[in-house]
Amino acid sequence: MEIFQKGMLGVADEILTPGFILRNPVLPPEFTYGPEGVKKFASSVANRSVGFEIVHHDAISTADKVLIRWTYTGTLKKDLLGIPPSDKLVTITGFDLFRITKHGKIAELWQTPTYYQRWEVVIVPFVLMPSHTKYETSTPEPSVVSRNY
C-alpha cells in the first residue's frame, strides 16, 4: 500500500527481492522485474490518476503465500495500460497472490486485475419476435440495457 497509495517508492527496496517478478498479462516488461520495475509501475499509476484510492478488502495467508483482494478507484487523466482517460470514475478490482521468501521478502506476485468503468443506463425500444416472423414496426415497450461510456 505504501508504494502505490502513498508514493513511498523506497519501500520496494525493503520488501521485494532483487529478482522479484510481477506476473500480470497486461503490464509491459519494464514494470514487472525487480524493485525498480515496481517503482516505475507505481509512478505510472500516480502520474496518470487523479484522486485515486486503493483498498485492500481481504487478506489470506498460508505457508509462503499471501492472497489479497483489492480495489483501485480513480479518474484517469492519461491512458493507463490501454484504459483511456476520462472524467468518469474507473474501478479496477483484482487479486494479488504473493510468494514470500523464508527471509520475509516478496519474491513473486501473480496479479489478476479486472477493469470497470461506471455504467450508465439507457432506455432503448426492443421487440423480441419469433425467427419466422418479420420485424414489425410498432411502438414497443422500452427495455433497459446498459452501455459503457
C-alpha atoms as a PDB file:
ATOM      1  CA  MET A   1       0.000   0.000   0.000  1.00  0.00           C
ATOM      2  CA  GLU A   2       2.775   2.441   0.851  1.00  0.00           C
ATOM      3  CA  ILE A   3       4.377   2.079  -2.578  1.00  0.00           C
ATOM      4  CA  PHE A   4       1.252   2.734  -4.682  1.00  0.00           C
ATOM      5  CA  GLN A   5      -1.103   4.632  -2.364  1.00  0.00           C
ATOM      6  CA  LYS A   6       1.420   6.821  -0.546  1.00  0.00           C
ATOM      7  CA  GLY A   7       4.149   7.051  -3.194  1.00  0.00           C
ATOM      8  CA  MET A   8       6.802   5.667  -0.840  1.00  0.00           C
ATOM      9  CA  LEU A   9       8.842   4.084  -3.635  1.00  0.00           C
ATOM     10  CA  GLY A  10      11.845   3.250  -1.423  1.00  0.00           C
ATOM     11  CA  VAL A  11       9.711   0.650   0.369  1.00  0.00           C
ATOM     12  CA  ALA A  12      10.049  -1.543  -2.742  1.00  0.00           C
ATOM     13  CA  ASP A  13      13.770  -1.973  -1.984  1.00  0.00           C
ATOM     14  CA  GLU A  14      12.943  -3.084   1.558  1.00  0.00           C
ATOM     15  CA  ILE A  15      10.176  -5.624   0.878  1.00  0.00           C
ATOM     16  CA  LEU A  16      10.990  -7.079  -2.578  1.00  0.00           C
ATOM     17  CA  THR A  17      13.811  -9.436  -3.526  1.00  0.00           C
ATOM     18  CA  PRO A  18      16.257  -8.154  -6.175  1.00  0.00           C
ATOM     19  CA  GLY A  19      14.886 -10.802  -8.583  1.00  0.00           C
ATOM     20  CA  PHE A  20      11.213 -10.016  -7.861  1.00  0.00           C
ATOM     21  CA  ILE A  21       8.786 -10.896 -10.694  1.00  0.00           C
ATOM     22  CA  LEU A  22       5.313  -9.364 -11.127  1.00  0.00           C
ATOM     23  CA  ARG A  23       3.161 -11.649 -13.281  1.00  0.00           C
ATOM     24  CA  ASN A  24       0.390  -9.572 -14.852  1.00  0.00           C
ATOM     25  CA  PRO A  25      -0.505 -10.175 -18.521  1.00  0.00           C
ATOM     26  CA  VAL A  26      -1.233  -6.513 -19.331  1.00  0.00           C
ATOM     27  CA  LEU A  27       1.918  -4.949 -17.888  1.00  0.00           C
ATOM     28  CA  PRO A  28       4.883  -4.055 -20.072  1.00  0.00           C
ATOM     29  CA  PRO A  29       8.129  -5.848 -19.105  1.00  0.00           C
ATOM     30  CA  GLU A  30       9.707  -2.713 -17.618  1.00  0.00           C
ATOM     31  CA  PHE A  31       7.070  -2.815 -14.814  1.00  0.00           C
ATOM     32  CA  THR A  32       7.473  -6.492 -13.946  1.00  0.00           C
ATOM     33  CA  TYR A  33      11.066  -7.090 -12.824  1.00  0.00           C
ATOM     34  CA  GLY A  34      12.716  -6.156  -9.552  1.00  0.00           C
ATOM     35  CA  PRO A  35      12.062  -3.281  -7.170  1.00  0.00           C
ATOM     36  CA  GLU A  36      12.853  -0.765  -9.954  1.00  0.00           C
ATOM     37  CA  GLY A  37      10.047  -2.198 -12.111  1.00  0.00           C
ATOM     38  CA  VAL A  38       7.542  -1.845  -9.291  1.00  0.00           C
ATOM     39  CA  LYS A  39       8.670   1.744  -8.694  1.00  0.00           C
ATOM     40  CA  LYS A  40       8.088   2.523 -12.396  1.00  0.00           C
ATOM     41  CA  PHE A  41       4.645   0.877 -12.236  1.00  0.00           C
ATOM     42  CA  ALA A  42       3.645   2.818  -9.090  1.00  0.00           C
ATOM     43  CA  SER A  43       4.895   6.099 -10.583  1.00  0.00           C
ATOM     44  CA  SER A  44       2.951   5.437 -13.780  1.00  0.00           C
ATOM     45  CA  VAL A  45      -0.277   4.837 -11.844  1.00  0.00           C
ATOM     46  CA  ALA A  46       0.224   8.000  -9.760  1.00  0.00           C
ATOM     47  CA  ASN A  47       1.079  10.156 -12.798  1.00  0.00           C
ATOM     48  CA  ARG A  48      -1.985   9.010 -14.737  1.00  0.00           C
ATOM     49  CA  SER A  49      -4.578   9.108 -11.932  1.00  0.00           C
ATOM     50  CA  VAL A  50      -6.440  11.853 -10.119  1.00  0.00           C
ATOM     51  CA  GLY A  51      -7.746  11.298  -6.608  1.00  0.00           C
ATOM     52  CA  PHE A  52      -7.206   7.561  -6.690  1.00  0.00           C
ATOM     53  CA  GLU A  53      -7.583   5.151  -3.813  1.00  0.00           C
ATOM     54  CA  ILE A  54      -6.508   1.543  -3.386  1.00  0.00           C
ATOM     55  CA  VAL A  55      -8.359  -0.503  -0.794  1.00  0.00           C
ATOM     56  CA  HIS A  56      -7.377  -3.948   0.468  1.00  0.00           C
ATOM     57  CA  HIS A  57     -10.572  -5.826   1.341  1.00  0.00           C
ATOM     58  CA  ASP A  58      -9.355  -9.286   2.344  1.00  0.00           C
ATOM     59  CA  ALA A  59      -6.057 -10.988   3.062  1.00  0.00           C
ATOM     60  CA  ILE A  60      -5.477 -14.724   3.419  1.00  0.00           C
ATOM     61  CA  SER A  61      -2.133 -16.321   4.169  1.00  0.00           C
ATOM     62  CA  THR A  62      -0.826 -19.865   4.212  1.00  0.00           C
ATOM     63  CA  ALA A  63       2.750 -21.144   4.351  1.00  0.00           C
ATOM     64  CA  ASP A  64       4.711 -18.883   1.958  1.00  0.00           C
ATOM     65  CA  LYS A  65       1.707 -17.332   0.137  1.00  0.00           C
ATOM     66  CA  VAL A  66      -0.477 -14.277   0.822  1.00  0.00           C
ATOM     67  CA  LEU A  67      -3.622 -13.512  -1.191  1.00  0.00           C
ATOM     68  CA  ILE A  68      -5.117 -10.008  -1.182  1.00  0.00           C
ATOM     69  CA  ARG A  69      -8.394  -8.860  -2.784  1.00  0.00           C
ATOM     70  CA  TRP A  70      -8.194  -5.170  -3.718  1.00  0.00           C
ATOM     71  CA  THR A  71      -9.971  -2.296  -5.492  1.00  0.00           C
ATOM     72  CA  TYR A  72      -8.447   0.718  -7.261  1.00  0.00           C
ATOM     73  CA  THR A  73     -10.836   3.647  -7.823  1.00  0.00           C
ATOM     74  CA  GLY A  74      -9.891   6.890  -9.526  1.00  0.00           C
ATOM     75  CA  THR A  75     -10.172   9.146 -12.546  1.00  0.00           C
ATOM     76  CA  LEU A  76      -7.618   8.749 -15.315  1.00  0.00           C
ATOM     77  CA  LYS A  77      -6.073  11.904 -16.760  1.00  0.00           C
ATOM     78  CA  LYS A  78      -3.864   9.841 -19.124  1.00  0.00           C
ATOM     79  CA  ASP A  79      -4.114   6.415 -20.738  1.00  0.00           C
ATOM     80  CA  LEU A  80      -3.294   3.664 -18.226  1.00  0.00           C
ATOM     81  CA  LEU A  81      -2.428   0.273 -19.720  1.00  0.00           C
ATOM     82  CA  GLY A  82      -4.967   0.654 -22.510  1.00  0.00           C
ATOM     83  CA  ILE A  83      -7.705   2.252 -20.394  1.00  0.00           C
ATOM     84  CA  PRO A  84      -8.447   5.640 -21.980  1.00  0.00           C
ATOM     85  CA  PRO A  85      -8.541   8.880 -19.977  1.00  0.00           C
ATOM     86  CA  SER A  86     -11.993  10.043 -18.971  1.00  0.00           C
ATOM     87  CA  ASP A  87     -13.758  12.267 -16.495  1.00  0.00           C
ATOM     88  CA  LYS A  88     -15.704   9.188 -15.340  1.00  0.00           C
ATOM     89  CA  LEU A  89     -14.669   7.175 -12.315  1.00  0.00           C
ATOM     90  CA  VAL A  90     -12.730   3.995 -13.137  1.00  0.00           C
ATOM     91  CA  THR A  91     -12.705   0.907 -10.947  1.00  0.00           C
ATOM     92  CA  ILE A  92     -10.168  -1.886 -11.217  1.00  0.00           C
ATOM     93  CA  THR A  93     -10.577  -4.877  -8.932  1.00  0.00           C
ATOM     94  CA  GLY A  94      -8.217  -7.748  -8.529  1.00  0.00           C
ATOM     95  CA  PHE A  95      -6.397 -10.378  -6.585  1.00  0.00           C
ATOM     96  CA  ASP A  96      -2.700 -10.392  -5.751  1.00  0.00           C
ATOM     97  CA  LEU A  97      -1.032 -13.664  -4.800  1.00  0.00           C
ATOM     98  CA  PHE A  98       2.382 -13.069  -3.236  1.00  0.00           C
ATOM     99  CA  ARG A  99       5.123 -15.632  -2.658  1.00  0.00           C
ATOM    100  CA  ILE A 100       7.189 -14.731   0.401  1.00  0.00           C
ATOM    101  CA  THR A 101      10.760 -15.982   0.929  1.00  0.00           C
ATOM    102  CA  LYS A 102      11.946 -17.526   4.204  1.00  0.00           C
ATOM    103  CA  HIS A 103      13.621 -14.145   4.879  1.00  0.00           C
ATOM    104  CA  GLY A 104      10.261 -12.336   4.683  1.00  0.00           C
ATOM    105  CA  LYS A 105      10.713 -10.614   1.310  1.00  0.00           C
ATOM    106  CA  ILE A 106       8.311 -10.817  -1.634  1.00  0.00           C
ATOM    107  CA  ALA A 107       9.781 -12.861  -4.491  1.00  0.00           C
ATOM    108  CA  GLU A 108       6.800 -13.145  -6.852  1.00  0.00           C
ATOM    109  CA  LEU A 109       3.384 -11.627  -7.401  1.00  0.00           C
ATOM    110  CA  TRP A 110       0.628 -13.050  -9.594  1.00  0.00           C
ATOM    111  CA  GLN A 111      -1.905 -10.305 -10.295  1.00  0.00           C
ATOM    112  CA  THR A 112      -5.357 -10.656 -11.862  1.00  0.00           C
ATOM    113  CA  PRO A 113      -6.933  -7.236 -12.451  1.00  0.00           C
ATOM    114  CA  THR A 114     -10.415  -6.608 -13.869  1.00  0.00           C
ATOM    115  CA  TYR A 115     -11.321  -3.188 -15.309  1.00  0.00           C
ATOM    116  CA  TYR A 116     -14.705  -1.497 -14.921  1.00  0.00           C
ATOM    117  CA  GLN A 117     -15.970   1.938 -15.756  1.00  0.00           C
ATOM    118  CA  ARG A 118     -19.139   3.322 -14.233  1.00  0.00           C
ATOM    119  CA  TRP A 119     -22.102   2.204 -16.338  1.00  0.00           C
ATOM    120  CA  GLU A 120     -24.922   4.425 -17.489  1.00  0.00           C
ATOM    121  CA  VAL A 121     -28.427   3.097 -18.094  1.00  0.00           C
ATOM    122  CA  VAL A 122     -30.025   3.959 -21.424  1.00  0.00           C
ATOM    123  CA  ILE A 123     -33.636   3.210 -22.404  1.00  0.00           C
ATOM    124  CA  VAL A 124     -33.907   1.597 -25.862  1.00  0.00           C
ATOM    125  CA  PRO A 125     -37.049   0.186 -27.553  1.00  0.00           C
ATOM    126  CA  PHE A 126     -36.652  -3.534 -28.181  1.00  0.00           C
ATOM    127  CA  VAL A 127     -39.025  -6.193 -29.539  1.00  0.00           C
ATOM    128  CA  LEU A 128     -38.480  -9.949 -29.479  1.00  0.00           C
ATOM    129  CA  MET A 129     -40.063 -11.664 -32.482  1.00  0.00           C
ATOM    130  CA  PRO A 130     -40.080 -15.353 -33.373  1.00  0.00           C
ATOM    131  CA  SER A 131     -37.470 -16.152 -36.015  1.00  0.00           C
ATOM    132  CA  HIS A 132     -40.139 -16.943 -38.634  1.00  0.00           C
ATOM    133  CA  THR A 133     -41.831 -13.559 -38.170  1.00  0.00           C
ATOM    134  CA  LYS A 134     -40.672 -10.392 -39.879  1.00  0.00           C
ATOM    135  CA  TYR A 135     -39.886  -7.388 -37.752  1.00  0.00           C
ATOM    136  CA  GLU A 136     -42.999  -5.308 -37.243  1.00  0.00           C
ATOM    137  CA  THR A 137     -42.819  -1.579 -36.871  1.00  0.00           C
ATOM    138  CA  SER A 138     -44.822  -0.733 -33.824  1.00  0.00           C
ATOM    139  CA  THR A 139     -44.341   1.227 -30.663  1.00  0.00           C
ATOM    140  CA  PRO A 140     -42.883  -1.358 -28.333  1.00  0.00           C
ATOM    141  CA  GLU A 141     -42.463  -1.095 -24.599  1.00  0.00           C
ATOM    142  CA  PRO A 142     -38.950   0.140 -23.791  1.00  0.00           C
ATOM    143  CA  SER A 143     -36.471  -2.228 -22.210  1.00  0.00           C
ATOM    144  CA  VAL A 144     -33.430  -1.321 -20.179  1.00  0.00           C
ATOM    145  CA  VAL A 145     -29.924  -2.015 -21.463  1.00  0.00           C
ATOM    146  CA  SER A 146     -26.582  -0.849 -20.183  1.00  0.00           C
ATOM    147  CA  ARG A 147     -23.999   0.964 -22.221  1.00  0.00           C
ATOM    148  CA  ASN A 148     -20.446   1.693 -21.114  1.00  0.00           C
ATOM    149  CA  TYR A 149     -19.182   5.227 -21.823  1.00  0.00           C
END
